[in-house]
């Protein structure tokens, strides 16, 4: 009988001790809202206000820029590719090459504006390219929590009369993990823009 009482009290003690232990809490992995990606497809940009044409994602919209920081845009060929599904924009600007804006000056400005993102970027990957339409340029892949993760400029390899620059931005707080699926989806389609970009006959800008 004495042994049974000792066993009983031992079981009660173990039960109470087990209940007093704090549960081990395992943090849940961070989750992000599921993004529904639009259907792939392309449109042809060939506005009479620009002397260029290219294919761009069908889920994007063209926004004309008549003003730049409160003043009139330098010419008619300033516009955005707006991606409403992602609240993002590719800011596009055209500059004719002349004595005031020579190719060296314009390229230097493009590098300067990209280097500004070095404040938060962990790395900037610069690559030159040339497509089948003799459009040449350079792309800048900005890694890290930078405001603009992708930029590029395009000029013509023959006369060197034209200079086109573009910078991609999300209109939201930078979170590289949550924005990565959307950014990769758009960036893949912007490669089509680079491959198909070509200069047309000069127009008055």
N, C-alpha and C. Protein backbone atom coordinates (compact mmCIF):
# COMPACT_ATOMS: atom_id res chain seq x y z
N UNK A 1 0.83 -1.21 0.00
CA UNK A 1 0.00 0.00 0.00
C UNK A 1 0.86 1.25 0.00
N UNK A 2 1.93 1.21 0.81
CA UNK A 2 2.83 2.37 0.87
C UNK A 2 3.48 2.61 -0.48
N UNK A 3 3.82 1.55 -1.18
CA UNK A 3 4.44 1.69 -2.51
C UNK A 3 3.47 2.31 -3.50
N UNK A 4 2.19 1.93 -3.44
CA UNK A 4 1.19 2.50 -4.34
C UNK A 4 1.02 3.98 -4.10
N UNK A 5 1.01 4.39 -2.80
CA UNK A 5 0.89 5.82 -2.48
C UNK A 5 2.07 6.60 -3.04
N UNK A 6 3.30 6.04 -2.93
CA UNK A 6 4.49 6.70 -3.45
C UNK A 6 4.42 6.85 -4.98
N UNK A 7 3.93 5.80 -5.64
CA UNK A 7 3.79 5.87 -7.11
C UNK A 7 2.77 6.93 -7.50
N UNK A 8 1.64 6.99 -6.72
CA UNK A 8 0.60 7.98 -7.00
C UNK A 8 1.15 9.40 -6.92
N UNK A 9 1.87 9.71 -5.84
CA UNK A 9 2.42 11.04 -5.67
C UNK A 9 3.50 11.34 -6.72
N UNK A 10 4.22 10.33 -7.15
CA UNK A 10 5.24 10.54 -8.19
C UNK A 10 4.59 10.93 -9.52
N UNK A 11 3.47 10.25 -9.84
CA UNK A 11 2.74 10.56 -11.09
C UNK A 11 2.18 11.97 -11.05
N UNK A 12 1.59 12.36 -9.87
CA UNK A 12 1.03 13.71 -9.73
C UNK A 12 2.13 14.76 -9.87
N UNK A 13 3.28 14.51 -9.26
CA UNK A 13 4.39 15.47 -9.33
C UNK A 13 4.87 15.65 -10.76
N UNK A 14 5.02 14.54 -11.49
CA UNK A 14 5.46 14.63 -12.90
C UNK A 14 4.45 15.39 -13.75
N UNK A 15 3.14 15.14 -13.49
CA UNK A 15 2.10 15.82 -14.26
C UNK A 15 2.13 17.32 -14.02
N UNK A 16 2.27 17.72 -12.74
CA UNK A 16 2.32 19.14 -12.42
C UNK A 16 3.55 19.80 -13.00
N UNK A 17 4.68 19.11 -12.97
CA UNK A 17 5.92 19.66 -13.51
C UNK A 17 5.81 19.86 -15.02
N UNK A 18 5.18 18.91 -15.68
CA UNK A 18 5.03 19.00 -17.13
C UNK A 18 4.14 20.17 -17.51
N UNK A 19 3.06 20.43 -16.75
CA UNK A 19 2.14 21.51 -17.05
C UNK A 19 2.78 22.87 -16.82
N UNK A 20 3.77 22.94 -15.92
CA UNK A 20 4.39 24.22 -15.60
C UNK A 20 5.42 24.64 -16.64
N UNK A 21 5.88 23.71 -17.47
CA UNK A 21 6.86 24.07 -18.48
C UNK A 21 6.23 24.97 -19.53
N UNK A 22 6.96 26.01 -19.93
CA UNK A 22 6.48 26.93 -20.96
C UNK A 22 6.58 26.25 -22.33
N UNK A 23 5.55 26.39 -23.15
CA UNK A 23 5.59 25.76 -24.48
C UNK A 23 6.65 26.41 -25.35
N UNK A 24 7.26 25.62 -26.19
CA UNK A 24 8.25 26.13 -27.13
C UNK A 24 7.54 26.69 -28.34
N UNK A 25 7.75 28.00 -28.60
CA UNK A 25 7.07 28.68 -29.71
C UNK A 25 8.01 28.75 -30.90
N UNK A 26 7.58 28.19 -32.01
CA UNK A 26 8.36 28.23 -33.24
C UNK A 26 7.80 29.33 -34.14
N UNK A 27 8.60 30.34 -34.45
CA UNK A 27 8.09 31.43 -35.30
C UNK A 27 7.70 30.94 -36.67
N UNK A 28 6.59 31.44 -37.16
CA UNK A 28 6.13 31.06 -38.49
C UNK A 28 6.93 31.82 -39.55
N UNK A 29 7.20 31.19 -40.67
CA UNK A 29 7.91 31.90 -41.74
C UNK A 29 7.06 33.06 -42.25
N UNK A 30 7.75 34.16 -42.60
CA UNK A 30 7.03 35.34 -43.08
C UNK A 30 6.32 35.04 -44.38
N UNK A 31 5.07 35.39 -44.45
CA UNK A 31 4.29 35.17 -45.66
C UNK A 31 3.94 36.47 -46.35
N UNK A 32 3.71 36.41 -47.64
CA UNK A 32 3.35 37.59 -48.42
C UNK A 32 2.07 37.27 -49.20
N UNK A 33 1.28 38.30 -49.49
CA UNK A 33 0.04 38.07 -50.23
C UNK A 33 0.33 37.43 -51.59
N UNK A 34 -0.53 36.52 -51.98
CA UNK A 34 -0.37 35.86 -53.27
C UNK A 34 -0.65 36.85 -54.38
N UNK A 35 0.21 36.85 -55.39
CA UNK A 35 0.08 37.78 -56.52
C UNK A 35 -0.42 37.00 -57.74
N UNK A 36 -1.49 37.50 -58.35
CA UNK A 36 -2.00 36.90 -59.58
C UNK A 36 -1.34 37.60 -60.76
N UNK A 37 -0.51 36.90 -61.49
CA UNK A 37 0.22 37.49 -62.60
C UNK A 37 -0.65 37.55 -63.84
N UNK A 38 -0.57 38.65 -64.60
CA UNK A 38 -1.40 38.77 -65.81
C UNK A 38 -0.91 37.86 -66.92
N UNK A 39 -1.72 37.72 -67.94
CA UNK A 39 -1.37 36.87 -69.08
C UNK A 39 -0.27 37.54 -69.91
N UNK A 40 0.67 36.74 -70.39
CA UNK A 40 1.75 37.25 -71.22
C UNK A 40 1.22 37.68 -72.58
N UNK A 41 1.84 38.70 -73.14
CA UNK A 41 1.47 39.20 -74.45
C UNK A 41 2.18 40.52 -74.69
N UNK A 42 2.21 40.98 -75.95
CA UNK A 42 2.94 42.20 -76.26
C UNK A 42 2.15 43.07 -77.24
N UNK A 43 2.39 44.38 -77.12
CA UNK A 43 1.87 45.37 -78.05
C UNK A 43 3.05 46.06 -78.71
N UNK A 44 2.79 46.73 -79.82
CA UNK A 44 3.84 47.49 -80.51
C UNK A 44 3.69 48.97 -80.25
N UNK A 45 4.72 49.58 -79.70
CA UNK A 45 4.74 51.03 -79.50
C UNK A 45 5.28 51.67 -80.77
N UNK A 46 4.49 52.58 -81.32
CA UNK A 46 4.92 53.27 -82.53
C UNK A 46 4.25 54.64 -82.60
N UNK A 47 4.35 55.40 -81.51
CA UNK A 47 3.71 56.70 -81.45
C UNK A 47 4.36 57.69 -82.39
N UNK A 48 3.55 58.58 -83.02
CA UNK A 48 4.10 59.55 -83.96
C UNK A 48 4.86 60.67 -83.25
N UNK A 49 4.83 60.67 -81.92
CA UNK A 49 5.56 61.68 -81.16
C UNK A 49 6.96 61.19 -80.77
N UNK A 50 7.33 59.98 -81.18
CA UNK A 50 8.65 59.42 -80.91
C UNK A 50 9.20 58.77 -82.19
N UNK A 51 10.50 58.84 -82.38
CA UNK A 51 11.10 58.22 -83.57
C UNK A 51 11.68 56.85 -83.25
N UNK A 52 10.88 56.04 -82.59
CA UNK A 52 11.30 54.69 -82.21
C UNK A 52 10.08 53.78 -82.18
N UNK A 53 10.33 52.51 -82.23
CA UNK A 53 9.26 51.54 -82.02
C UNK A 53 9.84 50.32 -81.32
N UNK A 54 8.97 49.61 -80.59
CA UNK A 54 9.39 48.43 -79.83
C UNK A 54 8.15 47.70 -79.35
N UNK A 55 8.33 46.49 -78.89
CA UNK A 55 7.24 45.75 -78.29
C UNK A 55 7.31 45.89 -76.77
N UNK A 56 6.15 46.06 -76.16
CA UNK A 56 6.09 46.19 -74.70
C UNK A 56 4.97 45.31 -74.16
N UNK A 57 4.99 44.99 -72.86
CA UNK A 57 3.97 44.08 -72.31
C UNK A 57 2.55 44.57 -72.52
N UNK A 58 1.66 43.67 -72.91
CA UNK A 58 0.27 44.03 -73.18
C UNK A 58 -0.46 44.47 -71.93
N UNK A 59 0.04 44.09 -70.75
CA UNK A 59 -0.61 44.48 -69.50
C UNK A 59 -0.13 45.84 -68.99
N UNK A 60 0.66 46.54 -69.81
CA UNK A 60 1.13 47.88 -69.46
C UNK A 60 0.35 48.93 -70.23
N UNK A 61 0.33 50.15 -69.72
CA UNK A 61 -0.35 51.28 -70.36
C UNK A 61 0.65 52.40 -70.61
N UNK A 62 0.46 53.13 -71.71
CA UNK A 62 1.32 54.26 -72.03
C UNK A 62 0.77 55.52 -71.37
N UNK A 63 1.61 56.21 -70.62
CA UNK A 63 1.26 57.49 -70.00
C UNK A 63 2.19 58.56 -70.57
N UNK A 64 1.61 59.57 -71.20
CA UNK A 64 2.43 60.67 -71.72
C UNK A 64 2.84 61.58 -70.58
N UNK A 65 4.08 62.03 -70.61
CA UNK A 65 4.60 62.96 -69.62
C UNK A 65 4.76 64.34 -70.25
N UNK A 66 3.84 65.24 -69.94
CA UNK A 66 3.94 66.60 -70.46
C UNK A 66 4.75 67.50 -69.54
N UNK A 67 4.91 67.06 -68.30
CA UNK A 67 5.64 67.88 -67.32
C UNK A 67 6.70 67.05 -66.62
N UNK A 68 7.77 67.73 -66.22
CA UNK A 68 8.87 67.10 -65.52
C UNK A 68 9.29 68.01 -64.37
N UNK A 69 8.98 67.57 -63.13
CA UNK A 69 9.23 68.37 -61.93
C UNK A 69 8.58 69.76 -62.05
N UNK A 70 7.33 69.75 -62.52
CA UNK A 70 6.56 70.99 -62.57
C UNK A 70 6.81 71.84 -63.79
N UNK A 71 7.76 71.48 -64.63
CA UNK A 71 8.05 72.23 -65.85
C UNK A 71 7.74 71.36 -67.06
N UNK A 72 7.62 72.02 -68.21
CA UNK A 72 7.32 71.29 -69.44
C UNK A 72 8.43 70.30 -69.75
N UNK A 73 8.06 69.11 -70.18
CA UNK A 73 9.06 68.11 -70.55
C UNK A 73 9.91 68.63 -71.70
N UNK A 74 11.19 68.25 -71.76
CA UNK A 74 12.08 68.76 -72.81
C UNK A 74 11.59 68.53 -74.23
N UNK A 75 10.85 67.44 -74.47
CA UNK A 75 10.27 67.20 -75.79
C UNK A 75 9.05 66.29 -75.65
N UNK A 76 8.43 65.98 -76.77
CA UNK A 76 7.19 65.19 -76.76
C UNK A 76 7.40 63.74 -76.37
N UNK A 77 8.61 63.24 -76.56
CA UNK A 77 8.88 61.81 -76.38
C UNK A 77 9.34 61.50 -74.95
N UNK A 78 8.52 61.90 -73.98
CA UNK A 78 8.72 61.52 -72.58
C UNK A 78 7.44 60.82 -72.15
N UNK A 79 7.56 59.60 -71.67
CA UNK A 79 6.38 58.83 -71.33
C UNK A 79 6.72 57.77 -70.29
N UNK A 80 5.69 57.13 -69.74
CA UNK A 80 5.85 56.02 -68.81
C UNK A 80 5.17 54.78 -69.36
N UNK A 81 5.74 53.63 -69.05
CA UNK A 81 5.01 52.37 -69.18
C UNK A 81 4.47 52.09 -67.78
N UNK A 82 3.15 52.17 -67.63
CA UNK A 82 2.54 51.97 -66.32
C UNK A 82 1.98 50.56 -66.24
N UNK A 83 2.31 49.86 -65.13
CA UNK A 83 1.85 48.49 -64.90
C UNK A 83 0.83 48.51 -63.76
N UNK A 84 -0.47 48.69 -64.09
CA UNK A 84 -1.49 48.85 -63.05
C UNK A 84 -1.63 47.65 -62.13
N UNK A 85 -1.37 46.44 -62.63
CA UNK A 85 -1.49 45.24 -61.79
C UNK A 85 -0.45 45.23 -60.67
N UNK A 86 0.65 45.96 -60.87
CA UNK A 86 1.75 45.94 -59.91
C UNK A 86 2.03 47.33 -59.31
N UNK A 87 1.30 48.34 -59.74
CA UNK A 87 1.54 49.73 -59.32
C UNK A 87 3.02 50.06 -59.51
N UNK A 88 3.50 49.90 -60.72
CA UNK A 88 4.90 50.15 -61.05
C UNK A 88 4.98 50.90 -62.37
N UNK A 89 6.12 51.57 -62.59
CA UNK A 89 6.29 52.35 -63.82
C UNK A 89 7.71 52.22 -64.35
N UNK A 90 7.81 52.24 -65.68
CA UNK A 90 9.09 52.39 -66.35
C UNK A 90 9.11 53.81 -66.91
N UNK A 91 9.90 54.68 -66.30
CA UNK A 91 10.00 56.07 -66.73
C UNK A 91 10.93 56.16 -67.94
N UNK A 92 10.41 56.67 -69.05
CA UNK A 92 11.16 56.70 -70.31
C UNK A 92 11.35 58.14 -70.78
N UNK A 93 12.55 58.43 -71.27
CA UNK A 93 12.84 59.78 -71.78
C UNK A 93 13.75 59.68 -72.99
N UNK A 94 13.54 60.59 -73.93
CA UNK A 94 14.33 60.65 -75.16
C UNK A 94 15.05 61.99 -75.23
N UNK A 95 16.30 61.94 -75.68
CA UNK A 95 17.09 63.16 -75.87
C UNK A 95 17.81 63.07 -77.20
N UNK A 96 17.62 64.05 -78.09
CA UNK A 96 18.39 64.04 -79.33
C UNK A 96 19.85 64.39 -79.04
N UNK A 97 20.76 63.70 -79.70
CA UNK A 97 22.19 63.97 -79.51
C UNK A 97 22.61 65.16 -80.37
N UNK A 98 23.22 66.14 -79.74
CA UNK A 98 23.70 67.34 -80.44
C UNK A 98 24.93 67.87 -79.72
N UNK A 99 25.34 69.09 -80.04
CA UNK A 99 26.54 69.65 -79.43
C UNK A 99 26.37 69.86 -77.94
N UNK A 100 25.16 70.27 -77.53
CA UNK A 100 24.92 70.50 -76.11
C UNK A 100 24.80 69.18 -75.35
N UNK A 101 24.15 68.20 -75.98
CA UNK A 101 23.97 66.89 -75.36
C UNK A 101 24.68 65.85 -76.22
N UNK A 102 26.00 65.80 -76.10
CA UNK A 102 26.74 64.80 -76.87
C UNK A 102 26.64 63.44 -76.18
N UNK A 103 27.05 62.39 -76.88
CA UNK A 103 26.87 61.03 -76.39
C UNK A 103 27.64 60.80 -75.10
N UNK A 104 28.83 61.39 -74.99
CA UNK A 104 29.63 61.20 -73.77
C UNK A 104 28.92 61.81 -72.55
N UNK A 105 28.36 62.99 -72.75
CA UNK A 105 27.65 63.67 -71.65
C UNK A 105 26.42 62.88 -71.23
N UNK A 106 25.64 62.40 -72.19
CA UNK A 106 24.42 61.67 -71.88
C UNK A 106 24.71 60.34 -71.19
N UNK A 107 25.73 59.64 -71.65
CA UNK A 107 26.11 58.39 -71.00
C UNK A 107 26.60 58.64 -69.57
N UNK A 108 27.37 59.70 -69.39
CA UNK A 108 27.87 60.05 -68.06
C UNK A 108 26.71 60.34 -67.11
N UNK A 109 25.69 61.04 -67.61
CA UNK A 109 24.50 61.33 -66.80
C UNK A 109 23.76 60.06 -66.43
N UNK A 110 23.67 59.13 -67.38
CA UNK A 110 22.99 57.86 -67.12
C UNK A 110 23.72 57.07 -66.03
N UNK A 111 25.05 57.03 -66.10
CA UNK A 111 25.82 56.34 -65.06
C UNK A 111 25.67 57.05 -63.72
N UNK A 112 25.65 58.37 -63.75
CA UNK A 112 25.53 59.15 -62.51
C UNK A 112 24.21 58.87 -61.82
N UNK A 113 23.11 58.83 -62.59
CA UNK A 113 21.80 58.59 -62.00
C UNK A 113 21.68 57.16 -61.47
N UNK A 114 22.34 56.22 -62.14
CA UNK A 114 22.32 54.84 -61.63
C UNK A 114 23.18 54.72 -60.38
N UNK A 115 24.33 55.36 -60.38
CA UNK A 115 25.23 55.29 -59.22
C UNK A 115 24.60 55.89 -57.97
N UNK A 116 23.63 56.78 -58.14
CA UNK A 116 22.94 57.37 -56.99
C UNK A 116 22.32 56.28 -56.12
N UNK A 117 21.94 55.15 -56.74
CA UNK A 117 21.32 54.05 -56.00
C UNK A 117 22.33 53.22 -55.22
N UNK A 118 23.61 53.52 -55.40
CA UNK A 118 24.63 52.81 -54.63
C UNK A 118 24.48 53.02 -53.13
N UNK A 119 23.71 54.05 -52.74
CA UNK A 119 23.50 54.31 -51.33
C UNK A 119 22.85 53.11 -50.64
N UNK A 120 21.97 52.42 -51.33
CA UNK A 120 21.28 51.27 -50.76
C UNK A 120 21.54 49.97 -51.51
N UNK A 121 22.08 50.07 -52.70
CA UNK A 121 22.31 48.87 -53.50
C UNK A 121 23.46 48.06 -52.93
N UNK A 122 23.34 46.74 -53.02
CA UNK A 122 24.42 45.86 -52.61
C UNK A 122 25.36 45.56 -53.78
N UNK A 123 24.81 45.73 -55.01
CA UNK A 123 25.62 45.45 -56.20
C UNK A 123 24.89 45.98 -57.42
N UNK A 124 25.63 46.52 -58.40
CA UNK A 124 25.07 46.96 -59.67
C UNK A 124 25.76 46.22 -60.79
N UNK A 125 25.00 45.44 -61.53
CA UNK A 125 25.53 44.64 -62.64
C UNK A 125 25.30 45.40 -63.95
N UNK A 126 26.37 45.82 -64.60
CA UNK A 126 26.29 46.59 -65.85
C UNK A 126 26.61 45.68 -67.03
N UNK A 127 25.74 45.71 -68.04
CA UNK A 127 25.95 44.88 -69.22
C UNK A 127 25.65 45.67 -70.49
N UNK A 128 26.51 45.56 -71.48
CA UNK A 128 26.26 46.18 -72.78
C UNK A 128 25.45 45.23 -73.66
N UNK A 129 24.75 45.78 -74.63
CA UNK A 129 23.98 44.94 -75.55
C UNK A 129 23.85 45.64 -76.89
N UNK A 130 23.58 44.87 -77.91
CA UNK A 130 23.25 45.37 -79.25
C UNK A 130 22.27 44.40 -79.86
N UNK A 131 21.16 44.92 -80.40
CA UNK A 131 20.17 44.02 -80.98
C UNK A 131 20.28 43.99 -82.51
N UNK A 132 19.38 43.28 -83.15
CA UNK A 132 19.44 43.09 -84.60
C UNK A 132 19.10 44.35 -85.38
N UNK A 133 18.57 45.37 -84.70
CA UNK A 133 18.20 46.61 -85.37
C UNK A 133 19.24 47.71 -85.17
N UNK A 134 20.45 47.33 -84.79
CA UNK A 134 21.56 48.26 -84.57
C UNK A 134 21.30 49.25 -83.45
N UNK A 135 20.45 48.87 -82.51
CA UNK A 135 20.26 49.66 -81.30
C UNK A 135 21.22 49.12 -80.25
N UNK A 136 22.05 49.98 -79.70
CA UNK A 136 23.04 49.54 -78.73
C UNK A 136 22.80 50.28 -77.42
N UNK A 137 23.29 49.72 -76.33
CA UNK A 137 23.09 50.39 -75.05
C UNK A 137 23.67 49.60 -73.90
N UNK A 138 23.17 49.88 -72.72
CA UNK A 138 23.66 49.24 -71.51
C UNK A 138 22.51 49.08 -70.52
N UNK A 139 22.49 47.94 -69.83
CA UNK A 139 21.50 47.70 -68.78
C UNK A 139 22.19 47.73 -67.42
N UNK A 140 21.42 48.15 -66.41
CA UNK A 140 21.92 48.22 -65.04
C UNK A 140 20.95 47.44 -64.15
N UNK A 141 21.40 46.31 -63.61
CA UNK A 141 20.61 45.53 -62.67
C UNK A 141 21.09 45.89 -61.26
N UNK A 142 20.22 46.55 -60.51
CA UNK A 142 20.58 47.07 -59.19
C UNK A 142 20.04 46.11 -58.14
N UNK A 143 20.93 45.43 -57.44
CA UNK A 143 20.54 44.47 -56.42
C UNK A 143 20.50 45.13 -55.04
N UNK A 144 19.57 44.67 -54.19
CA UNK A 144 19.41 45.25 -52.86
C UNK A 144 18.17 46.14 -52.80
N UNK A 145 17.91 46.76 -51.65
CA UNK A 145 16.70 47.57 -51.45
C UNK A 145 16.79 48.95 -52.07
N UNK A 146 17.10 49.01 -53.37
CA UNK A 146 17.20 50.28 -54.08
C UNK A 146 15.85 50.66 -54.66
N UNK A 147 15.64 51.97 -54.86
CA UNK A 147 14.35 52.45 -55.37
C UNK A 147 14.09 51.97 -56.80
N UNK A 148 15.16 51.90 -57.61
CA UNK A 148 15.01 51.48 -59.00
C UNK A 148 15.91 50.28 -59.26
N UNK A 149 15.35 49.08 -59.37
CA UNK A 149 16.17 47.87 -59.53
C UNK A 149 16.66 47.62 -60.95
N UNK A 150 16.10 48.35 -61.95
CA UNK A 150 16.48 48.09 -63.34
C UNK A 150 16.43 49.38 -64.14
N UNK A 151 17.54 49.68 -64.82
CA UNK A 151 17.62 50.85 -65.67
C UNK A 151 18.39 50.48 -66.94
N UNK A 152 18.20 51.28 -67.99
CA UNK A 152 18.98 51.05 -69.21
C UNK A 152 18.97 52.30 -70.08
N UNK A 153 19.90 52.36 -71.00
CA UNK A 153 19.87 53.39 -72.03
C UNK A 153 20.17 52.75 -73.38
N UNK A 154 19.64 53.38 -74.45
CA UNK A 154 19.78 52.87 -75.81
C UNK A 154 20.15 54.04 -76.72
N UNK A 155 21.08 53.81 -77.61
CA UNK A 155 21.41 54.78 -78.64
C UNK A 155 21.52 54.05 -79.97
N UNK A 156 21.87 54.78 -81.04
CA UNK A 156 22.01 54.14 -82.34
C UNK A 156 23.49 54.01 -82.67
N UNK A 157 23.86 52.89 -83.25
CA UNK A 157 25.26 52.58 -83.48
C UNK A 157 25.82 53.24 -84.74
N UNK A 158 24.96 53.78 -85.59
CA UNK A 158 25.43 54.34 -86.86
C UNK A 158 25.62 55.86 -86.76
N UNK A 159 24.53 56.63 -86.84
CA UNK A 159 24.65 58.09 -86.83
C UNK A 159 24.88 58.68 -85.43
N UNK A 160 24.50 57.94 -84.40
CA UNK A 160 24.54 58.44 -83.03
C UNK A 160 23.79 59.77 -82.93
N UNK A 161 22.51 59.70 -83.25
CA UNK A 161 21.65 60.89 -83.19
C UNK A 161 20.66 60.82 -82.04
N UNK A 162 20.48 59.65 -81.45
CA UNK A 162 19.39 59.44 -80.50
C UNK A 162 19.90 58.84 -79.19
N UNK A 163 19.21 59.20 -78.11
CA UNK A 163 19.53 58.64 -76.80
C UNK A 163 18.24 58.45 -76.03
N UNK A 164 17.99 57.22 -75.61
CA UNK A 164 16.77 56.85 -74.89
C UNK A 164 17.17 56.24 -73.56
N UNK A 165 16.55 56.71 -72.48
CA UNK A 165 16.88 56.18 -71.15
C UNK A 165 15.59 55.77 -70.45
N UNK A 166 15.67 54.70 -69.63
CA UNK A 166 14.50 54.21 -68.90
C UNK A 166 14.91 53.74 -67.51
N UNK A 167 14.04 53.95 -66.53
CA UNK A 167 14.29 53.51 -65.16
C UNK A 167 12.99 52.95 -64.60
N UNK A 168 13.07 51.77 -63.99
CA UNK A 168 11.89 51.08 -63.47
C UNK A 168 11.74 51.33 -61.97
N UNK A 169 10.50 51.62 -61.54
CA UNK A 169 10.21 51.89 -60.13
C UNK A 169 8.90 51.21 -59.72
N UNK A 170 8.84 50.72 -58.49
CA UNK A 170 7.59 50.35 -57.85
C UNK A 170 7.11 51.55 -57.04
N UNK A 171 5.80 51.81 -57.08
CA UNK A 171 5.23 52.92 -56.31
C UNK A 171 4.83 52.46 -54.92
N UNK A 172 5.72 51.74 -54.26
CA UNK A 172 5.43 51.21 -52.93
C UNK A 172 6.74 51.09 -52.17
N UNK A 173 6.63 50.80 -50.87
CA UNK A 173 7.82 50.64 -50.05
C UNK A 173 8.65 49.46 -50.54
N UNK A 174 9.97 49.67 -50.60
CA UNK A 174 10.85 48.64 -51.14
C UNK A 174 10.97 47.45 -50.19
N UNK A 175 10.56 46.27 -50.68
CA UNK A 175 10.75 45.02 -49.97
C UNK A 175 11.14 43.99 -51.02
N UNK A 176 12.44 43.74 -51.13
CA UNK A 176 12.93 42.92 -52.23
C UNK A 176 12.34 41.51 -52.24
N UNK A 177 12.03 40.95 -51.06
CA UNK A 177 11.49 39.59 -51.00
C UNK A 177 10.07 39.53 -51.56
N UNK A 178 9.23 40.46 -51.12
CA UNK A 178 7.83 40.41 -51.54
C UNK A 178 7.65 40.88 -52.98
N UNK A 179 8.52 41.78 -53.46
CA UNK A 179 8.39 42.30 -54.81
C UNK A 179 9.10 41.45 -55.86
N UNK A 180 9.93 40.53 -55.43
CA UNK A 180 10.74 39.73 -56.36
C UNK A 180 9.92 39.02 -57.44
N UNK A 181 8.81 38.31 -57.11
CA UNK A 181 8.05 37.63 -58.18
C UNK A 181 7.51 38.60 -59.23
N UNK A 182 7.03 39.76 -58.79
CA UNK A 182 6.49 40.74 -59.73
C UNK A 182 7.61 41.34 -60.58
N UNK A 183 8.70 41.69 -59.92
CA UNK A 183 9.82 42.30 -60.63
C UNK A 183 10.39 41.35 -61.68
N UNK A 184 10.59 40.10 -61.33
CA UNK A 184 11.14 39.12 -62.27
C UNK A 184 10.20 38.91 -63.46
N UNK A 185 8.90 38.94 -63.19
CA UNK A 185 7.91 38.77 -64.25
C UNK A 185 8.00 39.93 -65.25
N UNK A 186 8.05 41.16 -64.74
CA UNK A 186 8.11 42.34 -65.60
C UNK A 186 9.45 42.42 -66.32
N UNK A 187 10.52 42.20 -65.59
CA UNK A 187 11.86 42.32 -66.17
C UNK A 187 12.03 41.36 -67.35
N UNK A 188 11.48 40.17 -67.24
CA UNK A 188 11.55 39.20 -68.33
C UNK A 188 10.91 39.76 -69.59
N UNK A 189 9.79 40.47 -69.44
CA UNK A 189 9.10 41.02 -70.60
C UNK A 189 9.77 42.29 -71.11
N UNK A 190 10.47 43.02 -70.25
CA UNK A 190 11.20 44.20 -70.70
C UNK A 190 12.38 43.80 -71.60
N UNK A 191 12.85 42.56 -71.48
CA UNK A 191 13.89 42.09 -72.38
C UNK A 191 13.39 42.10 -73.82
N UNK A 192 12.09 41.83 -74.00
CA UNK A 192 11.50 41.87 -75.34
C UNK A 192 11.55 43.30 -75.89
N UNK A 193 11.37 44.28 -75.02
CA UNK A 193 11.47 45.68 -75.42
C UNK A 193 12.87 45.98 -75.95
N UNK A 194 13.90 45.48 -75.26
CA UNK A 194 15.27 45.72 -75.69
C UNK A 194 15.58 45.00 -77.00
N UNK A 195 15.09 43.78 -77.16
CA UNK A 195 15.36 42.99 -78.36
C UNK A 195 14.70 43.59 -79.60
N UNK A 196 13.54 44.21 -79.43
CA UNK A 196 12.77 44.69 -80.59
C UNK A 196 12.91 46.19 -80.81
N UNK A 197 13.65 46.88 -79.98
CA UNK A 197 13.78 48.33 -80.08
C UNK A 197 14.50 48.71 -81.38
N UNK A 198 13.91 49.66 -82.11
CA UNK A 198 14.56 50.17 -83.32
C UNK A 198 14.18 51.63 -83.54
N UNK A 199 15.09 52.36 -84.18
CA UNK A 199 14.88 53.76 -84.45
C UNK A 199 14.19 53.93 -85.80
N UNK A 200 13.27 54.89 -85.87
CA UNK A 200 12.56 55.18 -87.11
C UNK A 200 13.17 56.43 -87.75
N UNK A 201 12.55 56.88 -88.83
CA UNK A 201 12.96 58.14 -89.43
C UNK A 201 12.79 59.26 -88.42
N UNK A 202 13.71 60.21 -88.42
CA UNK A 202 13.67 61.31 -87.46
C UNK A 202 12.38 62.10 -87.62
N UNK A 203 11.83 62.50 -86.47
CA UNK A 203 10.65 63.36 -86.46
C UNK A 203 10.97 64.57 -85.62
N UNK A 204 10.19 65.61 -85.79
CA UNK A 204 10.42 66.84 -85.04
C UNK A 204 10.00 66.62 -83.60
N UNK A 205 10.95 66.75 -82.67
CA UNK A 205 10.67 66.54 -81.26
C UNK A 205 10.99 67.79 -80.47
